[in-house]
Amino acid sequence: MAAAQGQRSDGAGEMESSEGKVADSAPLPFRVAVDALRGARLRPEIEIDPTRPPQRLAPHAYALEAAVVEGEEDLADGRLVLLHDPAGHDAWQGTFRLVTLVRAELEPEMAADPLLPEVCWSWLTGALHARGLSAGEASGTVTRAGSHYFGGLSERPPASQIEIRASWTPREGSGGVPDTGAHLAAWCDLLCQVAGLPPAGPGDGSVVSLPQRRGPLSP
């Protein structure tokens, strides 16, 4: 991935990547929304790149994958997909939809917390609200998974992961275009929070993050 380093989210070499291109024939609102994603300024711990979007969820789609990196460790990773259907979608109640997957490894004591799923979901909604964003028709799941190793892998300690899958309809502004750059920044706030990093902005001291992870996630 290309490190954002507090700069634009497009990454080096994006325009040469087939995943990063948007056809000139795509509707103008979609192209404007994608340009806002590319121009978003993110925390320096975020490494982000365009990736191949899903082909059958909507007439137009754009996808980014990101990781929170500290040193050489991936503390959390995820994927954000922007969908657009100019005709609108009944389930979305709009013409745009954001779909996300966020994953991180947990410390055992955090994995055992019975309130963890509710807390993780509140982080997503809280990240959006903190930037003044609405999340219409929001839905999703929070999943905990544990792994125990045997045989040739028995020396590895047990591991626990959290996975957040969610989608929401961003409010459309001028020209029917949502503020996708702000939604991307909020999503990266969620990634950093799940990774256990302290809040970046002033006035966020009340936000509680997960402890930092032991190491990178398994593929």
C-alpha atoms as a PDB file:
ATOM      1  CA  MET A   1       0.000   0.000   0.000  1.00  0.00           C
ATOM      2  CA  ALA A   2       1.014   3.613  -0.487  1.00  0.00           C
ATOM      3  CA  ALA A   3       1.479   5.555   2.729  1.00  0.00           C
ATOM      4  CA  ALA A   4      -0.778   8.578   3.008  1.00  0.00           C
ATOM      5  CA  GLN A   5       1.609  10.356   5.425  1.00  0.00           C
ATOM      6  CA  GLY A   6      -1.036  12.920   6.292  1.00  0.00           C
ATOM      7  CA  GLN A   7      -1.439  13.824   2.632  1.00  0.00           C
ATOM      8  CA  ARG A   8      -3.836  12.893  -0.170  1.00  0.00           C
ATOM      9  CA  SER A   9      -5.329   9.421  -0.191  1.00  0.00           C
ATOM     10  CA  ASP A  10      -4.656   8.723  -3.870  1.00  0.00           C
ATOM     11  CA  GLY A  11      -1.231   7.182  -3.265  1.00  0.00           C
ATOM     12  CA  ALA A  12       1.753   7.009  -5.567  1.00  0.00           C
ATOM     13  CA  GLY A  13       1.088   5.566  -8.988  1.00  0.00           C
ATOM     14  CA  GLU A  14      -2.657   5.348  -8.540  1.00  0.00           C
ATOM     15  CA  MET A  15      -3.506   6.713 -11.965  1.00  0.00           C
ATOM     16  CA  GLU A  16      -1.423   3.970 -13.559  1.00  0.00           C
ATOM     17  CA  SER A  17      -3.398   1.340 -11.661  1.00  0.00           C
ATOM     18  CA  SER A  18      -6.471  -0.121 -13.349  1.00  0.00           C
ATOM     19  CA  GLU A  19      -8.128  -0.280  -9.940  1.00  0.00           C
ATOM     20  CA  GLY A  20      -7.752   3.485  -9.535  1.00  0.00           C
ATOM     21  CA  LYS A  21      -9.312   4.554 -12.826  1.00  0.00           C
ATOM     22  CA  VAL A  22     -12.867   5.762 -13.302  1.00  0.00           C
ATOM     23  CA  ALA A  23     -14.293   5.806 -16.810  1.00  0.00           C
ATOM     24  CA  ASP A  24     -14.944   9.225 -18.330  1.00  0.00           C
ATOM     25  CA  SER A  25     -18.423   7.953 -19.178  1.00  0.00           C
ATOM     26  CA  ALA A  26     -19.273   7.487 -15.488  1.00  0.00           C
ATOM     27  CA  PRO A  27     -21.894   9.916 -14.143  1.00  0.00           C
ATOM     28  CA  LEU A  28     -20.489  13.252 -12.998  1.00  0.00           C
ATOM     29  CA  PRO A  29     -21.684  12.878  -9.361  1.00  0.00           C
ATOM     30  CA  PHE A  30     -19.816   9.573  -9.108  1.00  0.00           C
ATOM     31  CA  ARG A  31     -16.631  11.036 -10.588  1.00  0.00           C
ATOM     32  CA  VAL A  32     -16.812  13.977  -8.188  1.00  0.00           C
ATOM     33  CA  ALA A  33     -17.351  11.611  -5.244  1.00  0.00           C
ATOM     34  CA  VAL A  34     -14.342   9.517  -6.259  1.00  0.00           C
ATOM     35  CA  ASP A  35     -12.177  12.622  -6.664  1.00  0.00           C
ATOM     36  CA  ALA A  36     -13.105  13.586  -3.093  1.00  0.00           C
ATOM     37  CA  LEU A  37     -11.957  10.174  -1.874  1.00  0.00           C
ATOM     38  CA  ARG A  38      -8.655  10.592  -3.704  1.00  0.00           C
ATOM     39  CA  GLY A  39      -8.128  14.052  -2.266  1.00  0.00           C
ATOM     40  CA  ALA A  40      -8.864  13.246   1.372  1.00  0.00           C
ATOM     41  CA  ARG A  41      -6.076  13.998   3.851  1.00  0.00           C
ATOM     42  CA  LEU A  42      -5.590  11.186   6.339  1.00  0.00           C
ATOM     43  CA  ARG A  43      -3.570  10.362   9.431  1.00  0.00           C
ATOM     44  CA  PRO A  44       0.075   9.440   8.730  1.00  0.00           C
ATOM     45  CA  GLU A  45      -0.428   5.964  10.230  1.00  0.00           C
ATOM     46  CA  ILE A  46      -2.841   5.093   7.404  1.00  0.00           C
ATOM     47  CA  GLU A  47      -1.550   3.315   4.298  1.00  0.00           C
ATOM     48  CA  ILE A  48      -4.168   3.281   1.562  1.00  0.00           C
ATOM     49  CA  ASP A  49      -4.508   2.206  -2.060  1.00  0.00           C
ATOM     50  CA  PRO A  50      -7.267   1.694  -4.610  1.00  0.00           C
ATOM     51  CA  THR A  51      -8.281  -1.908  -5.140  1.00  0.00           C
ATOM     52  CA  ARG A  52     -10.555  -3.746  -7.539  1.00  0.00           C
ATOM     53  CA  PRO A  53     -14.193  -2.954  -6.658  1.00  0.00           C
ATOM     54  CA  PRO A  54     -17.054  -5.453  -6.700  1.00  0.00           C
ATOM     55  CA  GLN A  55     -18.724  -5.692 -10.089  1.00  0.00           C
ATOM     56  CA  ARG A  56     -22.339  -6.649  -9.343  1.00  0.00           C
ATOM     57  CA  LEU A  57     -23.446  -4.561  -6.389  1.00  0.00           C
ATOM     58  CA  ALA A  58     -24.149  -1.369  -8.333  1.00  0.00           C
ATOM     59  CA  PRO A  59     -23.691   0.107 -11.821  1.00  0.00           C
ATOM     60  CA  HIS A  60     -20.675   2.083 -10.569  1.00  0.00           C
ATOM     61  CA  ALA A  61     -18.236   1.208  -7.785  1.00  0.00           C
ATOM     62  CA  TYR A  62     -14.884   2.366  -6.424  1.00  0.00           C
ATOM     63  CA  ALA A  63     -12.907   0.646  -3.666  1.00  0.00           C
ATOM     64  CA  LEU A  64     -10.030   1.430  -1.311  1.00  0.00           C
ATOM     65  CA  GLU A  65      -8.073  -0.836   1.002  1.00  0.00           C
ATOM     66  CA  ALA A  66      -6.238   0.546   3.992  1.00  0.00           C
ATOM     67  CA  ALA A  67      -4.114  -0.530   6.927  1.00  0.00           C
ATOM     68  CA  VAL A  68      -3.028   1.148  10.144  1.00  0.00           C
ATOM     69  CA  VAL A  69       0.731   0.684  10.255  1.00  0.00           C
ATOM     70  CA  GLU A  70       3.104   1.361  13.128  1.00  0.00           C
ATOM     71  CA  GLY A  71       6.695   0.531  12.338  1.00  0.00           C
ATOM     72  CA  GLU A  72       6.405  -2.682  10.359  1.00  0.00           C
ATOM     73  CA  GLU A  73       3.235  -3.884  12.093  1.00  0.00           C
ATOM     74  CA  ASP A  74      -0.251  -3.814  10.604  1.00  0.00           C
ATOM     75  CA  LEU A  75      -2.478  -3.046  13.596  1.00  0.00           C
ATOM     76  CA  ALA A  76      -5.771  -3.112  11.674  1.00  0.00           C
ATOM     77  CA  ASP A  77      -6.906  -3.266   8.091  1.00  0.00           C
ATOM     78  CA  GLY A  78     -10.039  -2.784   6.069  1.00  0.00           C
ATOM     79  CA  ARG A  79     -11.795  -2.036   2.830  1.00  0.00           C
ATOM     80  CA  LEU A  80     -14.168   0.774   1.894  1.00  0.00           C
ATOM     81  CA  VAL A  81     -16.376   0.563  -1.206  1.00  0.00           C
ATOM     82  CA  LEU A  82     -18.339   3.431  -2.743  1.00  0.00           C
ATOM     83  CA  LEU A  83     -21.396   2.295  -4.712  1.00  0.00           C
ATOM     84  CA  HIS A  84     -23.492   4.476  -7.029  1.00  0.00           C
ATOM     85  CA  ASP A  85     -26.773   3.803  -8.788  1.00  0.00           C
ATOM     86  CA  PRO A  86     -28.031   6.919 -10.609  1.00  0.00           C
ATOM     87  CA  ALA A  87     -31.560   5.469 -10.618  1.00  0.00           C
ATOM     88  CA  GLY A  88     -31.561   5.186  -6.847  1.00  0.00           C
ATOM     89  CA  HIS A  89     -32.017   2.103  -4.708  1.00  0.00           C
ATOM     90  CA  ASP A  90     -34.992   1.412  -2.448  1.00  0.00           C
ATOM     91  CA  ALA A  91     -32.899  -0.267   0.236  1.00  0.00           C
ATOM     92  CA  TRP A  92     -30.368   2.581   0.249  1.00  0.00           C
ATOM     93  CA  GLN A  93     -32.901   5.439   0.177  1.00  0.00           C
ATOM     94  CA  GLY A  94     -30.414   7.282  -2.036  1.00  0.00           C
ATOM     95  CA  THR A  95     -28.112   6.945  -5.018  1.00  0.00           C
ATOM     96  CA  PHE A  96     -24.868   6.330  -3.090  1.00  0.00           C
ATOM     97  CA  ARG A  97     -23.911   3.651  -0.567  1.00  0.00           C
ATOM     98  CA  LEU A  98     -20.733   3.040   1.432  1.00  0.00           C
ATOM     99  CA  VAL A  99     -19.808  -0.531   2.358  1.00  0.00           C
ATOM    100  CA  THR A 100     -16.978  -1.417   4.717  1.00  0.00           C
ATOM    101  CA  LEU A 101     -15.017  -4.218   6.306  1.00  0.00           C
ATOM    102  CA  VAL A 102     -12.668  -3.548   9.253  1.00  0.00           C
ATOM    103  CA  ARG A 103     -10.518  -6.199  10.971  1.00  0.00           C
ATOM    104  CA  ALA A 104      -8.117  -6.204  13.911  1.00  0.00           C
ATOM    105  CA  GLU A 105      -6.513  -8.676  16.281  1.00  0.00           C
ATOM    106  CA  LEU A 106      -7.598  -8.449  19.896  1.00  0.00           C
ATOM    107  CA  GLU A 107      -5.904  -8.900  23.203  1.00  0.00           C
ATOM    108  CA  PRO A 108      -7.550 -11.816  25.107  1.00  0.00           C
ATOM    109  CA  GLU A 109      -9.041  -9.618  27.818  1.00  0.00           C
ATOM    110  CA  MET A 110     -10.728  -7.408  25.224  1.00  0.00           C
ATOM    111  CA  ALA A 111     -12.054 -10.404  23.298  1.00  0.00           C
ATOM    112  CA  ALA A 112     -13.766 -11.652  26.461  1.00  0.00           C
ATOM    113  CA  ASP A 113     -15.676  -8.400  27.044  1.00  0.00           C
ATOM    114  CA  PRO A 114     -19.389  -9.180  26.486  1.00  0.00           C
ATOM    115  CA  LEU A 115     -20.066  -5.553  25.496  1.00  0.00           C
ATOM    116  CA  LEU A 116     -17.393  -5.496  22.776  1.00  0.00           C
ATOM    117  CA  PRO A 117     -19.764  -5.830  19.772  1.00  0.00           C
ATOM    118  CA  GLU A 118     -21.964  -2.955  20.950  1.00  0.00           C
ATOM    119  CA  VAL A 119     -18.901  -0.825  21.672  1.00  0.00           C
ATOM    120  CA  CYS A 120     -17.389  -1.473  18.241  1.00  0.00           C
ATOM    121  CA  TRP A 121     -20.642  -0.544  16.512  1.00  0.00           C
ATOM    122  CA  SER A 122     -20.808   2.663  18.551  1.00  0.00           C
ATOM    123  CA  TRP A 123     -17.291   3.508  17.347  1.00  0.00           C
ATOM    124  CA  LEU A 124     -18.501   3.446  13.749  1.00  0.00           C
ATOM    125  CA  THR A 125     -21.533   5.643  14.372  1.00  0.00           C
ATOM    126  CA  GLY A 126     -19.519   7.857  16.703  1.00  0.00           C
ATOM    127  CA  ALA A 127     -16.763   8.387  14.103  1.00  0.00           C
ATOM    128  CA  LEU A 128     -19.372   9.608  11.617  1.00  0.00           C
ATOM    129  CA  HIS A 129     -21.182  11.824  14.105  1.00  0.00           C
ATOM    130  CA  ALA A 130     -17.909  13.354  15.303  1.00  0.00           C
ATOM    131  CA  ARG A 131     -17.398  14.738  11.786  1.00  0.00           C
ATOM    132  CA  GLY A 132     -20.982  15.912  11.470  1.00  0.00           C
ATOM    133  CA  LEU A 133     -21.955  13.144   9.035  1.00  0.00           C
ATOM    134  CA  SER A 134     -25.220  11.262   8.790  1.00  0.00           C
ATOM    135  CA  ALA A 135     -25.468   7.528   8.153  1.00  0.00           C
ATOM    136  CA  GLY A 136     -28.868   6.763   6.674  1.00  0.00           C
ATOM    137  CA  GLU A 137     -30.160   3.190   6.569  1.00  0.00           C
ATOM    138  CA  ALA A 138     -27.088   1.967   8.485  1.00  0.00           C
ATOM    139  CA  SER A 139     -26.749  -1.771   9.020  1.00  0.00           C
ATOM    140  CA  GLY A 140     -23.997  -4.242   9.787  1.00  0.00           C
ATOM    141  CA  THR A 141     -22.472  -6.935  11.944  1.00  0.00           C
ATOM    142  CA  VAL A 142     -19.696  -7.175  14.533  1.00  0.00           C
ATOM    143  CA  THR A 143     -18.079 -10.613  14.761  1.00  0.00           C
ATOM    144  CA  ARG A 144     -15.590 -12.029  17.250  1.00  0.00           C
ATOM    145  CA  ALA A 145     -13.528 -15.049  16.254  1.00  0.00           C
ATOM    146  CA  GLY A 146     -10.964 -17.096  18.165  1.00  0.00           C
ATOM    147  CA  SER A 147      -8.207 -19.364  16.848  1.00  0.00           C
ATOM    148  CA  HIS A 148      -6.366 -22.136  18.687  1.00  0.00           C
ATOM    149  CA  TYR A 149      -3.365 -23.809  17.095  1.00  0.00           C
ATOM    150  CA  PHE A 150      -2.392 -27.489  17.091  1.00  0.00           C
ATOM    151  CA  GLY A 151       0.228 -29.844  15.727  1.00  0.00           C
ATOM    152  CA  GLY A 152       2.995 -28.004  13.930  1.00  0.00           C
ATOM    153  CA  LEU A 153       1.393 -24.689  14.915  1.00  0.00           C
ATOM    154  CA  SER A 154       0.949 -25.535  18.602  1.00  0.00           C
ATOM    155  CA  GLU A 155       3.642 -23.080  19.712  1.00  0.00           C
ATOM    156  CA  ARG A 156       1.556 -20.151  18.508  1.00  0.00           C
ATOM    157  CA  PRO A 157      -0.570 -18.538  21.235  1.00  0.00           C
ATOM    158  CA  PRO A 158      -4.366 -18.403  20.846  1.00  0.00           C
ATOM    159  CA  ALA A 159      -5.537 -15.426  18.828  1.00  0.00           C
ATOM    160  CA  SER A 160      -8.781 -13.444  18.726  1.00  0.00           C
ATOM    161  CA  GLN A 161     -10.038 -11.120  16.015  1.00  0.00           C
ATOM    162  CA  ILE A 162     -12.786  -8.557  15.642  1.00  0.00           C
ATOM    163  CA  GLU A 163     -14.481  -7.927  12.310  1.00  0.00           C
ATOM    164  CA  ILE A 164     -16.874  -5.065  11.562  1.00  0.00           C
ATOM    165  CA  ARG A 165     -18.986  -5.225   8.398  1.00  0.00           C
ATOM    166  CA  ALA A 166     -21.268  -2.281   7.760  1.00  0.00           C
ATOM    167  CA  SER A 167     -22.970  -0.175   5.133  1.00  0.00           C
ATOM    168  CA  TRP A 168     -24.713   3.187   5.191  1.00  0.00           C
ATOM    169  CA  THR A 169     -26.151   5.822   2.879  1.00  0.00           C
ATOM    170  CA  PRO A 170     -24.227   9.114   2.982  1.00  0.00           C
ATOM    171  CA  ARG A 171     -26.317  12.289   2.829  1.00  0.00           C
ATOM    172  CA  GLU A 172     -26.114  13.841  -0.638  1.00  0.00           C
ATOM    173  CA  GLY A 173     -25.169  17.485  -0.840  1.00  0.00           C
ATOM    174  CA  SER A 174     -24.744  19.942  -3.671  1.00  0.00           C
ATOM    175  CA  GLY A 175     -25.205  18.353  -7.085  1.00  0.00           C
ATOM    176  CA  GLY A 176     -26.361  15.128  -5.479  1.00  0.00           C
ATOM    177  CA  VAL A 177     -22.825  14.340  -4.272  1.00  0.00           C
ATOM    178  CA  PRO A 178     -22.067  13.211  -0.680  1.00  0.00           C
ATOM    179  CA  ASP A 179     -18.992  14.410   1.190  1.00  0.00           C
ATOM    180  CA  THR A 180     -17.094  11.184   0.566  1.00  0.00           C
ATOM    181  CA  GLY A 181     -13.791  12.663   1.681  1.00  0.00           C
ATOM    182  CA  ALA A 182     -15.203  13.295   5.157  1.00  0.00           C
ATOM    183  CA  HIS A 183     -16.741   9.811   5.236  1.00  0.00           C
ATOM    184  CA  LEU A 184     -13.345   8.322   4.343  1.00  0.00           C
ATOM    185  CA  ALA A 185     -11.681  10.339   7.109  1.00  0.00           C
ATOM    186  CA  ALA A 186     -14.303   9.104   9.607  1.00  0.00           C
ATOM    187  CA  TRP A 187     -13.758   5.530   8.443  1.00  0.00           C
ATOM    188  CA  CYS A 188     -10.005   5.950   8.982  1.00  0.00           C
ATOM    189  CA  ASP A 189     -10.766   7.289  12.469  1.00  0.00           C
ATOM    190  CA  LEU A 190     -12.587   4.006  13.096  1.00  0.00           C
ATOM    191  CA  LEU A 191      -9.627   2.009  11.767  1.00  0.00           C
ATOM    192  CA  CYS A 192      -7.236   3.840  14.081  1.00  0.00           C
ATOM    193  CA  GLN A 193      -9.565   3.406  17.040  1.00  0.00           C
ATOM    194  CA  VAL A 194      -9.872  -0.341  16.451  1.00  0.00           C
ATOM    195  CA  ALA A 195      -6.082  -0.474  16.098  1.00  0.00           C
ATOM    196  CA  GLY A 196      -5.676   1.038  19.560  1.00  0.00           C
ATOM    197  CA  LEU A 197      -4.179   4.371  18.517  1.00  0.00           C
ATOM    198  CA  PRO A 198      -4.957   7.499  20.546  1.00  0.00           C
ATOM    199  CA  PRO A 199      -7.322  10.066  18.993  1.00  0.00           C
ATOM    200  CA  ALA A 200      -5.629  12.509  16.641  1.00  0.00           C
ATOM    201  CA  GLY A 201      -7.859  15.525  17.104  1.00  0.00           C
ATOM    202  CA  PRO A 202      -8.300  17.842  20.092  1.00  0.00           C
ATOM    203  CA  GLY A 203     -11.283  17.271  22.313  1.00  0.00           C
ATOM    204  CA  ASP A 204     -11.420  13.513  21.689  1.00  0.00           C
ATOM    205  CA  GLY A 205      -9.897  12.414  24.981  1.00  0.00           C
ATOM    206  CA  SER A 206     -13.098  10.692  26.077  1.00  0.00           C
ATOM    207  CA  VAL A 207     -12.885   8.194  23.214  1.00  0.00           C
ATOM    208  CA  VAL A 208     -11.653   4.778  24.335  1.00  0.00           C
ATOM    209  CA  SER A 209      -9.634   2.662  21.890  1.00  0.00           C
ATOM    210  CA  LEU A 210      -8.645  -0.973  21.897  1.00  0.00           C
ATOM    211  CA  PRO A 211      -5.164  -1.732  23.250  1.00  0.00           C
ATOM    212  CA  GLN A 212      -2.535  -2.002  20.534  1.00  0.00           C
ATOM    213  CA  ARG A 213      -2.323  -5.337  18.778  1.00  0.00           C
ATOM    214  CA  ARG A 214       0.379  -7.957  19.172  1.00  0.00           C
ATOM    215  CA  GLY A 215       1.115  -8.214  15.457  1.00  0.00           C
ATOM    216  CA  PRO A 216      -0.264  -8.200  11.915  1.00  0.00           C
ATOM    217  CA  LEU A 217      -3.430 -10.005  10.976  1.00  0.00           C
ATOM    218  CA  SER A 218      -3.273 -13.303   9.188  1.00  0.00           C
ATOM    219  CA  PRO A 219      -4.502 -13.144   5.569  1.00  0.00           C
END
